[in-house]
């Protein structure tokens, strides 16, 4: 059975099931969300909590999408570099075979 973890986000306490995650990981997530909400609260005028939660969710989704895009770009670059290296190795092996009359 998943362990319940008590977290606090923006002054509100919640109990959530950790599932496969460790309680420490759940606490880290809660801290991240809390920090995002506090940053939005400090940058905006007073607004209802539900609106602040929606803005926080949008900001976190923006972070996620930017990281995904960055990851995908990096993966494409690694793939291209890998293909270049494979081509260079094949070319070198072919040259060595030709030099040795194989």
PDB file of N, CA and C in Angstrom:
ATOM      1  N   UNK A   1       0.842  -1.198   0.000  1.00  0.00           N
ATOM      2  CA  UNK A   1       0.000   0.000   0.000  1.00  0.00           C
ATOM      3  C   UNK A   1       0.875   1.246   0.000  1.00  0.00           C
ATOM      4  N   UNK A   2       0.494   2.253  -0.769  1.00  0.00           N
ATOM      5  CA  UNK A   2       1.274   3.475  -0.881  1.00  0.00           C
ATOM      6  C   UNK A   2       1.230   4.251   0.428  1.00  0.00           C
ATOM      7  N   UNK A   3       2.364   4.788   0.766  1.00  0.00           N
ATOM      8  CA  UNK A   3       2.475   5.571   1.988  1.00  0.00           C
ATOM      9  C   UNK A   3       1.897   6.963   1.763  1.00  0.00           C
ATOM     10  N   UNK A   4       1.125   7.458   2.730  1.00  0.00           N
ATOM     11  CA  UNK A   4       0.627   8.829   2.662  1.00  0.00           C
ATOM     12  C   UNK A   4       1.721   9.771   3.144  1.00  0.00           C
ATOM     13  N   UNK A   5       1.836  10.891   2.451  1.00  0.00           N
ATOM     14  CA  UNK A   5       2.844  11.895   2.791  1.00  0.00           C
ATOM     15  C   UNK A   5       2.119  13.207   3.037  1.00  0.00           C
ATOM     16  N   UNK A   6       2.463  13.861   4.115  1.00  0.00           N
ATOM     17  CA  UNK A   6       1.883  15.173   4.403  1.00  0.00           C
ATOM     18  C   UNK A   6       2.776  16.230   3.782  1.00  0.00           C
ATOM     19  N   UNK A   7       2.154  17.081   2.973  1.00  0.00           N
ATOM     20  CA  UNK A   7       2.883  18.162   2.318  1.00  0.00           C
ATOM     21  C   UNK A   7       2.184  19.481   2.596  1.00  0.00           C
ATOM     22  N   UNK A   8       2.919  20.551   2.402  1.00  0.00           N
ATOM     23  CA  UNK A   8       2.333  21.885   2.545  1.00  0.00           C
ATOM     24  C   UNK A   8       2.666  22.693   1.304  1.00  0.00           C
ATOM     25  N   UNK A   9       1.626  23.240   0.705  1.00  0.00           N
ATOM     26  CA  UNK A   9       1.780  24.093  -0.469  1.00  0.00           C
ATOM     27  C   UNK A   9       0.996  25.366  -0.231  1.00  0.00           C
ATOM     28  N   UNK A  10       1.717  26.454  -0.250  1.00  0.00           N
ATOM     29  CA  UNK A  10       1.131  27.787  -0.092  1.00  0.00           C
ATOM     30  C   UNK A  10       0.251  27.871   1.157  1.00  0.00           C
ATOM     31  N   UNK A  11       0.782  27.303   2.245  1.00  0.00           N
ATOM     32  CA  UNK A  11       0.097  27.391   3.530  1.00  0.00           C
ATOM     33  C   UNK A  11      -1.008  26.376   3.749  1.00  0.00           C
ATOM     34  N   UNK A  12      -1.267  25.545   2.761  1.00  0.00           N
ATOM     35  CA  UNK A  12      -2.311  24.534   2.901  1.00  0.00           C
ATOM     36  C   UNK A  12      -1.671  23.158   3.011  1.00  0.00           C
ATOM     37  N   UNK A  13      -2.152  22.383   3.961  1.00  0.00           N
ATOM     38  CA  UNK A  13      -1.603  21.059   4.201  1.00  0.00           C
ATOM     39  C   UNK A  13      -2.458  20.011   3.495  1.00  0.00           C
ATOM     40  N   UNK A  14      -1.765  19.080   2.835  1.00  0.00           N
ATOM     41  CA  UNK A  14      -2.433  17.997   2.104  1.00  0.00           C
ATOM     42  C   UNK A  14      -1.774  16.675   2.484  1.00  0.00           C
ATOM     43  N   UNK A  15      -2.547  15.616   2.432  1.00  0.00           N
ATOM     44  CA  UNK A  15      -2.000  14.261   2.549  1.00  0.00           C
ATOM     45  C   UNK A  15      -2.185  13.613   1.190  1.00  0.00           C
ATOM     46  N   UNK A  16      -1.081  13.137   0.631  1.00  0.00           N
ATOM     47  CA  UNK A  16      -1.133  12.519  -0.686  1.00  0.00           C
ATOM     48  C   UNK A  16      -0.482  11.143  -0.632  1.00  0.00           C
ATOM     49  N   UNK A  17      -0.962  10.247  -1.462  1.00  0.00           N
ATOM     50  CA  UNK A  17      -0.369   8.923  -1.568  1.00  0.00           C
ATOM     51  C   UNK A  17       0.913   9.033  -2.389  1.00  0.00           C
ATOM     52  N   UNK A  18       1.982   8.473  -1.865  1.00  0.00           N
ATOM     53  CA  UNK A  18       3.275   8.565  -2.532  1.00  0.00           C
ATOM     54  C   UNK A  18       3.367   7.640  -3.737  1.00  0.00           C
ATOM     55  N   UNK A  19       2.539   6.614  -3.779  1.00  0.00           N
ATOM     56  CA  UNK A  19       2.635   5.665  -4.886  1.00  0.00           C
ATOM     57  C   UNK A  19       3.990   4.986  -4.869  1.00  0.00           C
ATOM     58  N   UNK A  20       4.650   4.959  -5.992  1.00  0.00           N
ATOM     59  CA  UNK A  20       5.980   4.346  -6.102  1.00  0.00           C
ATOM     60  C   UNK A  20       7.088   5.295  -5.649  1.00  0.00           C
ATOM     61  N   UNK A  21       6.761   6.579  -5.490  1.00  0.00           N
ATOM     62  CA  UNK A  21       7.760   7.582  -5.133  1.00  0.00           C
ATOM     63  C   UNK A  21       8.079   7.536  -3.637  1.00  0.00           C
ATOM     64  N   UNK A  22       9.261   8.030  -3.311  1.00  0.00           N
ATOM     65  CA  UNK A  22       9.629   8.119  -1.901  1.00  0.00           C
ATOM     66  C   UNK A  22       8.978   9.359  -1.298  1.00  0.00           C
ATOM     67  N   UNK A  23       8.765   9.350   0.013  1.00  0.00           N
ATOM     68  CA  UNK A  23       8.229  10.548   0.656  1.00  0.00           C
ATOM     69  C   UNK A  23       9.114  11.781   0.409  1.00  0.00           C
ATOM     70  N   UNK A  24      10.418  11.584   0.385  1.00  0.00           N
ATOM     71  CA  UNK A  24      11.331  12.715   0.139  1.00  0.00           C
ATOM     72  C   UNK A  24      11.103  13.309  -1.246  1.00  0.00           C
ATOM     73  N   UNK A  25      10.849  12.460  -2.228  1.00  0.00           N
ATOM     74  CA  UNK A  25      10.582  12.944  -3.579  1.00  0.00           C
ATOM     75  C   UNK A  25       9.285  13.742  -3.625  1.00  0.00           C
ATOM     76  N   UNK A  26       8.262  13.242  -2.968  1.00  0.00           N
ATOM     77  CA  UNK A  26       6.981  13.953  -2.912  1.00  0.00           C
ATOM     78  C   UNK A  26       7.166  15.313  -2.237  1.00  0.00           C
ATOM     79  N   UNK A  27       7.975  15.350  -1.180  1.00  0.00           N
ATOM     80  CA  UNK A  27       8.263  16.619  -0.504  1.00  0.00           C
ATOM     81  C   UNK A  27       8.971  17.589  -1.446  1.00  0.00           C
ATOM     82  N   UNK A  28       9.907  17.069  -2.249  1.00  0.00           N
ATOM     83  CA  UNK A  28      10.606  17.923  -3.225  1.00  0.00           C
ATOM     84  C   UNK A  28       9.631  18.509  -4.235  1.00  0.00           C
ATOM     85  N   UNK A  29       8.699  17.675  -4.705  1.00  0.00           N
ATOM     86  CA  UNK A  29       7.692  18.165  -5.645  1.00  0.00           C
ATOM     87  C   UNK A  29       6.852  19.267  -5.013  1.00  0.00           C
ATOM     88  N   UNK A  30       6.411  19.022  -3.788  1.00  0.00           N
ATOM     89  CA  UNK A  30       5.583  20.006  -3.088  1.00  0.00           C
ATOM     90  C   UNK A  30       6.347  21.306  -2.889  1.00  0.00           C
ATOM     91  N   UNK A  31       7.623  21.205  -2.548  1.00  0.00           N
ATOM     92  CA  UNK A  31       8.451  22.399  -2.358  1.00  0.00           C
ATOM     93  C   UNK A  31       8.542  23.185  -3.666  1.00  0.00           C
ATOM     94  N   UNK A  32       8.723  22.478  -4.768  1.00  0.00           N
ATOM     95  CA  UNK A  32       8.814  23.128  -6.074  1.00  0.00           C
ATOM     96  C   UNK A  32       7.522  23.878  -6.406  1.00  0.00           C
ATOM     97  N   UNK A  33       6.390  23.218  -6.203  1.00  0.00           N
ATOM     98  CA  UNK A  33       5.095  23.853  -6.477  1.00  0.00           C
ATOM     99  C   UNK A  33       4.890  25.049  -5.557  1.00  0.00           C
ATOM    100  N   UNK A  34       5.234  24.891  -4.278  1.00  0.00           N
ATOM    101  CA  UNK A  34       5.101  25.980  -3.309  1.00  0.00           C
ATOM    102  C   UNK A  34       5.937  27.191  -3.731  1.00  0.00           C
ATOM    103  N   UNK A  35       7.176  26.926  -4.148  1.00  0.00           N
ATOM    104  CA  UNK A  35       8.049  28.024  -4.588  1.00  0.00           C
ATOM    105  C   UNK A  35       7.478  28.725  -5.814  1.00  0.00           C
ATOM    106  N   UNK A  36       6.948  27.963  -6.744  1.00  0.00           N
ATOM    107  CA  UNK A  36       6.338  28.560  -7.940  1.00  0.00           C
ATOM    108  C   UNK A  36       5.140  29.432  -7.565  1.00  0.00           C
ATOM    109  N   UNK A  37       4.305  28.922  -6.666  1.00  0.00           N
ATOM    110  CA  UNK A  37       3.124  29.696  -6.252  1.00  0.00           C
ATOM    111  C   UNK A  37       3.540  30.978  -5.540  1.00  0.00           C
ATOM    112  N   UNK A  38       4.545  30.881  -4.700  1.00  0.00           N
ATOM    113  CA  UNK A  38       5.011  32.067  -3.975  1.00  0.00           C
ATOM    114  C   UNK A  38       5.623  33.099  -4.925  1.00  0.00           C
ATOM    115  N   UNK A  39       6.314  32.638  -5.943  1.00  0.00           N
ATOM    116  CA  UNK A  39       6.880  33.555  -6.931  1.00  0.00           C
ATOM    117  C   UNK A  39       5.773  34.287  -7.684  1.00  0.00           C
ATOM    118  N   UNK A  40       4.737  33.556  -8.045  1.00  0.00           N
ATOM    119  CA  UNK A  40       3.606  34.188  -8.740  1.00  0.00           C
ATOM    120  C   UNK A  40       2.895  35.155  -7.809  1.00  0.00           C
ATOM    121  N   UNK A  41       2.706  34.759  -6.566  1.00  0.00           N
ATOM    122  CA  UNK A  41       2.032  35.624  -5.592  1.00  0.00           C
ATOM    123  C   UNK A  41       2.798  36.923  -5.387  1.00  0.00           C
ATOM    124  N   UNK A  42       4.122  36.837  -5.380  1.00  0.00           N
ATOM    125  CA  UNK A  42       4.906  38.050  -5.153  1.00  0.00           C
ATOM    126  C   UNK A  42       4.948  38.957  -6.380  1.00  0.00           C
ATOM    127  N   UNK A  43       4.693  38.380  -7.560  1.00  0.00           N
ATOM    128  CA  UNK A  43       4.755  39.162  -8.794  1.00  0.00           C
ATOM    129  C   UNK A  43       3.399  39.683  -9.246  1.00  0.00           C
ATOM    130  N   UNK A  44       2.331  39.257  -8.589  1.00  0.00           N
ATOM    131  CA  UNK A  44       0.997  39.669  -9.021  1.00  0.00           C
ATOM    132  C   UNK A  44       0.251  40.307  -7.861  1.00  0.00           C
ATOM    133  N   UNK A  45      -0.814  40.974  -8.227  1.00  0.00           N
ATOM    134  CA  UNK A  45      -1.699  41.516  -7.201  1.00  0.00           C
ATOM    135  C   UNK A  45      -2.469  40.368  -6.554  1.00  0.00           C
ATOM    136  N   UNK A  46      -3.155  40.669  -5.503  1.00  0.00           N
ATOM    137  CA  UNK A  46      -3.954  39.650  -4.824  1.00  0.00           C
ATOM    138  C   UNK A  46      -4.936  39.030  -5.806  1.00  0.00           C
ATOM    139  N   UNK A  47      -4.984  37.704  -5.805  1.00  0.00           N
ATOM    140  CA  UNK A  47      -5.919  37.001  -6.677  1.00  0.00           C
ATOM    141  C   UNK A  47      -6.415  35.765  -5.952  1.00  0.00           C
ATOM    142  N   UNK A  48      -7.550  35.240  -6.370  1.00  0.00           N
ATOM    143  CA  UNK A  48      -8.070  34.026  -5.737  1.00  0.00           C
ATOM    144  C   UNK A  48      -7.078  32.864  -5.874  1.00  0.00           C
ATOM    145  N   UNK A  49      -7.104  32.006  -4.881  1.00  0.00           N
ATOM    146  CA  UNK A  49      -6.183  30.879  -4.836  1.00  0.00           C
ATOM    147  C   UNK A  49      -6.312  29.976  -6.065  1.00  0.00           C
ATOM    148  N   UNK A  50      -7.534  29.771  -6.541  1.00  0.00           N
ATOM    149  CA  UNK A  50      -7.694  28.898  -7.707  1.00  0.00           C
ATOM    150  C   UNK A  50      -7.041  29.487  -8.953  1.00  0.00           C
ATOM    151  N   UNK A  51      -7.098  30.799  -9.117  1.00  0.00           N
ATOM    152  CA  UNK A  51      -6.431  31.443 -10.258  1.00  0.00           C
ATOM    153  C   UNK A  51      -4.918  31.335 -10.128  1.00  0.00           C
ATOM    154  N   UNK A  52      -4.427  31.495  -8.906  1.00  0.00           N
ATOM    155  CA  UNK A  52      -2.999  31.377  -8.675  1.00  0.00           C
ATOM    156  C   UNK A  52      -2.527  29.946  -8.955  1.00  0.00           C
ATOM    157  N   UNK A  53      -3.342  28.971  -8.574  1.00  0.00           N
ATOM    158  CA  UNK A  53      -2.999  27.571  -8.828  1.00  0.00           C
ATOM    159  C   UNK A  53      -2.957  27.299 -10.331  1.00  0.00           C
ATOM    160  N   UNK A  54      -3.893  27.897 -11.083  1.00  0.00           N
ATOM    161  CA  UNK A  54      -3.914  27.711 -12.534  1.00  0.00           C
ATOM    162  C   UNK A  54      -2.681  28.355 -13.169  1.00  0.00           C
ATOM    163  N   UNK A  55      -2.333  29.563 -12.742  1.00  0.00           N
ATOM    164  CA  UNK A  55      -1.131  30.212 -13.263  1.00  0.00           C
ATOM    165  C   UNK A  55       0.120  29.400 -12.930  1.00  0.00           C
ATOM    166  N   UNK A  56       0.146  28.850 -11.733  1.00  0.00           N
ATOM    167  CA  UNK A  56       1.274  28.007 -11.335  1.00  0.00           C
ATOM    168  C   UNK A  56       1.359  26.775 -12.228  1.00  0.00           C
ATOM    169  N   UNK A  57       0.218  26.133 -12.459  1.00  0.00           N
ATOM    170  CA  UNK A  57       0.196  24.955 -13.328  1.00  0.00           C
ATOM    171  C   UNK A  57       0.677  25.303 -14.738  1.00  0.00           C
ATOM    172  N   UNK A  58       0.262  26.456 -15.254  1.00  0.00           N
ATOM    173  CA  UNK A  58       0.707  26.889 -16.583  1.00  0.00           C
ATOM    174  C   UNK A  58       2.213  27.137 -16.609  1.00  0.00           C
ATOM    175  N   UNK A  59       2.740  27.744 -15.558  1.00  0.00           N
ATOM    176  CA  UNK A  59       4.182  27.990 -15.486  1.00  0.00           C
ATOM    177  C   UNK A  59       4.964  26.683 -15.420  1.00  0.00           C
ATOM    178  N   UNK A  60       4.471  25.731 -14.647  1.00  0.00           N
ATOM    179  CA  UNK A  60       5.142  24.437 -14.549  1.00  0.00           C
ATOM    180  C   UNK A  60       5.047  23.693 -15.886  1.00  0.00           C
ATOM    181  N   UNK A  61       3.892  23.779 -16.554  1.00  0.00           N
ATOM    182  CA  UNK A  61       3.744  23.157 -17.873  1.00  0.00           C
ATOM    183  C   UNK A  61       4.708  23.801 -18.870  1.00  0.00           C
ATOM    184  N   UNK A  62       4.886  25.108 -18.786  1.00  0.00           N
ATOM    185  CA  UNK A  62       5.838  25.816 -19.646  1.00  0.00           C
ATOM    186  C   UNK A  62       7.256  25.301 -19.400  1.00  0.00           C
ATOM    187  N   UNK A  63       7.628  25.146 -18.135  1.00  0.00           N
ATOM    188  CA  UNK A  63       8.948  24.585 -17.795  1.00  0.00           C
ATOM    189  C   UNK A  63       9.109  23.201 -18.418  1.00  0.00           C
ATOM    190  N   UNK A  64       8.096  22.368 -18.270  1.00  0.00           N
ATOM    191  CA  UNK A  64       8.139  21.010 -18.792  1.00  0.00           C
ATOM    192  C   UNK A  64       8.303  21.004 -20.313  1.00  0.00           C
ATOM    193  N   UNK A  65       7.518  21.808 -21.002  1.00  0.00           N
ATOM    194  CA  UNK A  65       7.591  21.838 -22.459  1.00  0.00           C
ATOM    195  C   UNK A  65       8.952  22.334 -22.929  1.00  0.00           C
ATOM    196  N   UNK A  66       9.496  23.344 -22.268  1.00  0.00           N
ATOM    197  CA  UNK A  66      10.822  23.842 -22.640  1.00  0.00           C
ATOM    198  C   UNK A  66      11.885  22.772 -22.428  1.00  0.00           C
ATOM    199  N   UNK A  67      11.785  22.036 -21.320  1.00  0.00           N
ATOM    200  CA  UNK A  67      12.743  20.955 -21.073  1.00  0.00           C
ATOM    201  C   UNK A  67      12.601  19.840 -22.099  1.00  0.00           C
ATOM    202  N   UNK A  68      11.372  19.505 -22.446  1.00  0.00           N
ATOM    203  CA  UNK A  68      11.149  18.470 -23.477  1.00  0.00           C
ATOM    204  C   UNK A  68      11.755  18.894 -24.804  1.00  0.00           C
ATOM    205  N   UNK A  69      11.512  20.144 -25.184  1.00  0.00           N
ATOM    206  CA  UNK A  69      12.058  20.646 -26.446  1.00  0.00           C
ATOM    207  C   UNK A  69      13.581  20.596 -26.427  1.00  0.00           C
ATOM    208  N   UNK A  70      14.163  21.006 -25.325  1.00  0.00           N
ATOM    209  CA  UNK A  70      15.613  20.986 -25.177  1.00  0.00           C
ATOM    210  C   UNK A  70      16.147  19.562 -25.252  1.00  0.00           C
ATOM    211  N   UNK A  71      15.462  18.640 -24.579  1.00  0.00           N
ATOM    212  CA  UNK A  71      15.865  17.238 -24.601  1.00  0.00           C
ATOM    213  C   UNK A  71      15.797  16.683 -26.020  1.00  0.00           C
ATOM    214  N   UNK A  72      14.694  16.953 -26.713  1.00  0.00           N
ATOM    215  CA  UNK A  72      14.529  16.447 -28.073  1.00  0.00           C
ATOM    216  C   UNK A  72      15.590  17.011 -29.003  1.00  0.00           C
ATOM    217  N   UNK A  73      15.908  18.286 -28.840  1.00  0.00           N
ATOM    218  CA  UNK A  73      16.952  18.906 -29.655  1.00  0.00           C
ATOM    219  C   UNK A  73      18.301  18.252 -29.348  1.00  0.00           C
ATOM    220  N   UNK A  74      18.582  18.020 -28.088  1.00  0.00           N
ATOM    221  CA  UNK A  74      19.836  17.368 -27.701  1.00  0.00           C
ATOM    222  C   UNK A  74      19.893  15.940 -28.232  1.00  0.00           C
ATOM    223  N   UNK A  75      18.782  15.229 -28.162  1.00  0.00           N
ATOM    224  CA  UNK A  75      18.743  13.848 -28.657  1.00  0.00           C
ATOM    225  C   UNK A  75      18.992  13.818 -30.164  1.00  0.00           C
ATOM    226  N   UNK A  76      18.425  14.763 -30.893  1.00  0.00           N
ATOM    227  CA  UNK A  76      18.659  14.827 -32.345  1.00  0.00           C
ATOM    228  C   UNK A  76      20.131  15.111 -32.636  1.00  0.00           C
ATOM    229  N   UNK A  77      20.733  15.998 -31.864  1.00  0.00           N
ATOM    230  CA  UNK A  77      22.147  16.320 -32.042  1.00  0.00           C
ATOM    231  C   UNK A  77      23.019  15.100 -31.757  1.00  0.00           C
ATOM    232  N   UNK A  78      22.713  14.389 -30.677  1.00  0.00           N
ATOM    233  CA  UNK A  78      23.466  13.168 -30.343  1.00  0.00           C
ATOM    234  C   UNK A  78      23.311  12.143 -31.460  1.00  0.00           C
ATOM    235  N   UNK A  79      22.103  11.969 -31.976  1.00  0.00           N
ATOM    236  CA  UNK A  79      21.881  11.029 -33.075  1.00  0.00           C
ATOM    237  C   UNK A  79      22.708  11.406 -34.300  1.00  0.00           C
ATOM    238  N   UNK A  80      22.720  12.680 -34.645  1.00  0.00           N
ATOM    239  CA  UNK A  80      23.480  13.136 -35.812  1.00  0.00           C
ATOM    240  C   UNK A  80      24.975  12.915 -35.607  1.00  0.00           C
ATOM    241  N   UNK A  81      25.474  13.243 -34.429  1.00  0.00           N
ATOM    242  CA  UNK A  81      26.899  13.051 -34.131  1.00  0.00           C
ATOM    243  C   UNK A  81      27.255  11.572 -34.128  1.00  0.00           C
ATOM    244  N   UNK A  82      26.360  10.741 -33.623  1.00  0.00           N
ATOM    245  CA  UNK A  82      26.593   9.291 -33.615  1.00  0.00           C
ATOM    246  C   UNK A  82      26.694   8.771 -35.035  1.00  0.00           C
ATOM    247  N   UNK A  83      25.792   9.220 -35.895  1.00  0.00           N
ATOM    248  CA  UNK A  83      25.835   8.799 -37.304  1.00  0.00           C
ATOM    249  C   UNK A  83      27.130   9.254 -37.964  1.00  0.00           C
ATOM    250  N   UNK A  84      27.582  10.467 -37.656  1.00  0.00           N
ATOM    251  CA  UNK A  84      28.845  10.956 -38.216  1.00  0.00           C
ATOM    252  C   UNK A  84      30.006  10.077 -37.759  1.00  0.00           C
ATOM    253  N   UNK A  85      30.022   9.732 -36.488  1.00  0.00           N
ATOM    254  CA  UNK A  85      31.101   8.891 -35.970  1.00  0.00           C
ATOM    255  C   UNK A  85      31.078   7.504 -36.594  1.00  0.00           C
ATOM    256  N   UNK A  86      29.894   6.944 -36.744  1.00  0.00           N
ATOM    257  CA  UNK A  86      29.781   5.625 -37.377  1.00  0.00           C
ATOM    258  C   UNK A  86      30.304   5.689 -38.813  1.00  0.00           C
ATOM    259  N   UNK A  87      29.958   6.732 -39.522  1.00  0.00           N
ATOM    260  CA  UNK A  87      30.445   6.892 -40.900  1.00  0.00           C
ATOM    261  C   UNK A  87      31.960   7.008 -40.930  1.00  0.00           C
ATOM    262  N   UNK A  88      32.526   7.781 -40.024  1.00  0.00           N
ATOM    263  CA  UNK A  88      33.980   7.925 -39.967  1.00  0.00           C
ATOM    264  C   UNK A  88      34.664   6.597 -39.656  1.00  0.00           C
ATOM    265  N   UNK A  89      34.117   5.836 -38.735  1.00  0.00           N
ATOM    266  CA  UNK A  89      34.688   4.531 -38.388  1.00  0.00           C
ATOM    267  C   UNK A  89      34.602   3.589 -39.581  1.00  0.00           C
ATOM    268  N   UNK A  90      33.465   3.553 -40.232  1.00  0.00           N
ATOM    269  CA  UNK A  90      33.309   2.686 -41.419  1.00  0.00           C
ATOM    270  C   UNK A  90      34.293   3.086 -42.516  1.00  0.00           C
ATOM    271  N   UNK A  91      34.428   4.382 -42.722  1.00  0.00           N
ATOM    272  CA  UNK A  91      35.357   4.876 -43.736  1.00  0.00           C
ATOM    273  C   UNK A  91      36.790   4.474 -43.393  1.00  0.00           C
ATOM    274  N   UNK A  92      37.153   4.621 -42.150  1.00  0.00           N
ATOM    275  CA  UNK A  92      38.502   4.258 -41.715  1.00  0.00           C
ATOM    276  C   UNK A  92      38.737   2.756 -41.871  1.00  0.00           C
ATOM    277  N   UNK A  93      37.764   1.957 -41.483  1.00  0.00           N
ATOM    278  CA  UNK A  93      37.895   0.507 -41.625  1.00  0.00           C
ATOM    279  C   UNK A  93      38.004   0.111 -43.096  1.00  0.00           C
ATOM    280  N   UNK A  94      37.253   0.778 -43.942  1.00  0.00           N
ATOM    281  CA  UNK A  94      37.292   0.501 -45.377  1.00  0.00           C
ATOM    282  C   UNK A  94      38.654   0.867 -45.948  1.00  0.00           C
ATOM    283  N   UNK A  95      39.191   1.993 -45.513  1.00  0.00           N
ATOM    284  CA  UNK A  95      40.524   2.427 -45.971  1.00  0.00           C
ATOM    285  C   UNK A  95      41.589   1.440 -45.513  1.00  0.00           C
ATOM    286  N   UNK A  96      41.498   0.974 -44.286  1.00  0.00           N
ATOM    287  CA  UNK A  96      42.481   0.020 -43.785  1.00  0.00           C
ATOM    288  C   UNK A  96      42.394  -1.303 -44.537  1.00  0.00           C
ATOM    289  N   UNK A  97      41.175  -1.730 -44.850  1.00  0.00           N
ATOM    290  CA  UNK A  97      41.007  -2.975 -45.618  1.00  0.00           C
ATOM    291  C   UNK A  97      41.615  -2.833 -46.998  1.00  0.00           C
ATOM    292  N   UNK A  98      41.423  -1.679 -47.621  1.00  0.00           N
ATOM    293  CA  UNK A  98      41.967  -1.443 -48.962  1.00  0.00           C
ATOM    294  C   UNK A  98      43.479  -1.410 -48.937  1.00  0.00           C
ATOM    295  N   UNK A  99      44.052  -0.827 -47.912  1.00  0.00           N
ATOM    296  CA  UNK A  99      45.514  -0.715 -47.803  1.00  0.00           C
ATOM    297  C   UNK A  99      46.167  -2.072 -47.594  1.00  0.00           C
ATOM    298  N   UNK A 100      45.462  -2.965 -46.949  1.00  0.00           N
ATOM    299  CA  UNK A 100      46.010  -4.280 -46.658  1.00  0.00           C
ATOM    300  C   UNK A 100      45.584  -5.330 -47.671  1.00  0.00           C
ATOM    301  N   UNK A 101      44.911  -4.891 -48.725  1.00  0.00           N
ATOM    302  CA  UNK A 101      44.512  -5.794 -49.779  1.00  0.00           C
ATOM    303  C   UNK A 101      43.427  -6.783 -49.385  1.00  0.00           C
ATOM    304  N   UNK A 102      42.631  -6.416 -48.417  1.00  0.00           N
ATOM    305  CA  UNK A 102      41.557  -7.323 -47.963  1.00  0.00           C
ATOM    306  C   UNK A 102      40.280  -7.107 -48.718  1.00  0.00           C
TER     307      UNK A 102
END
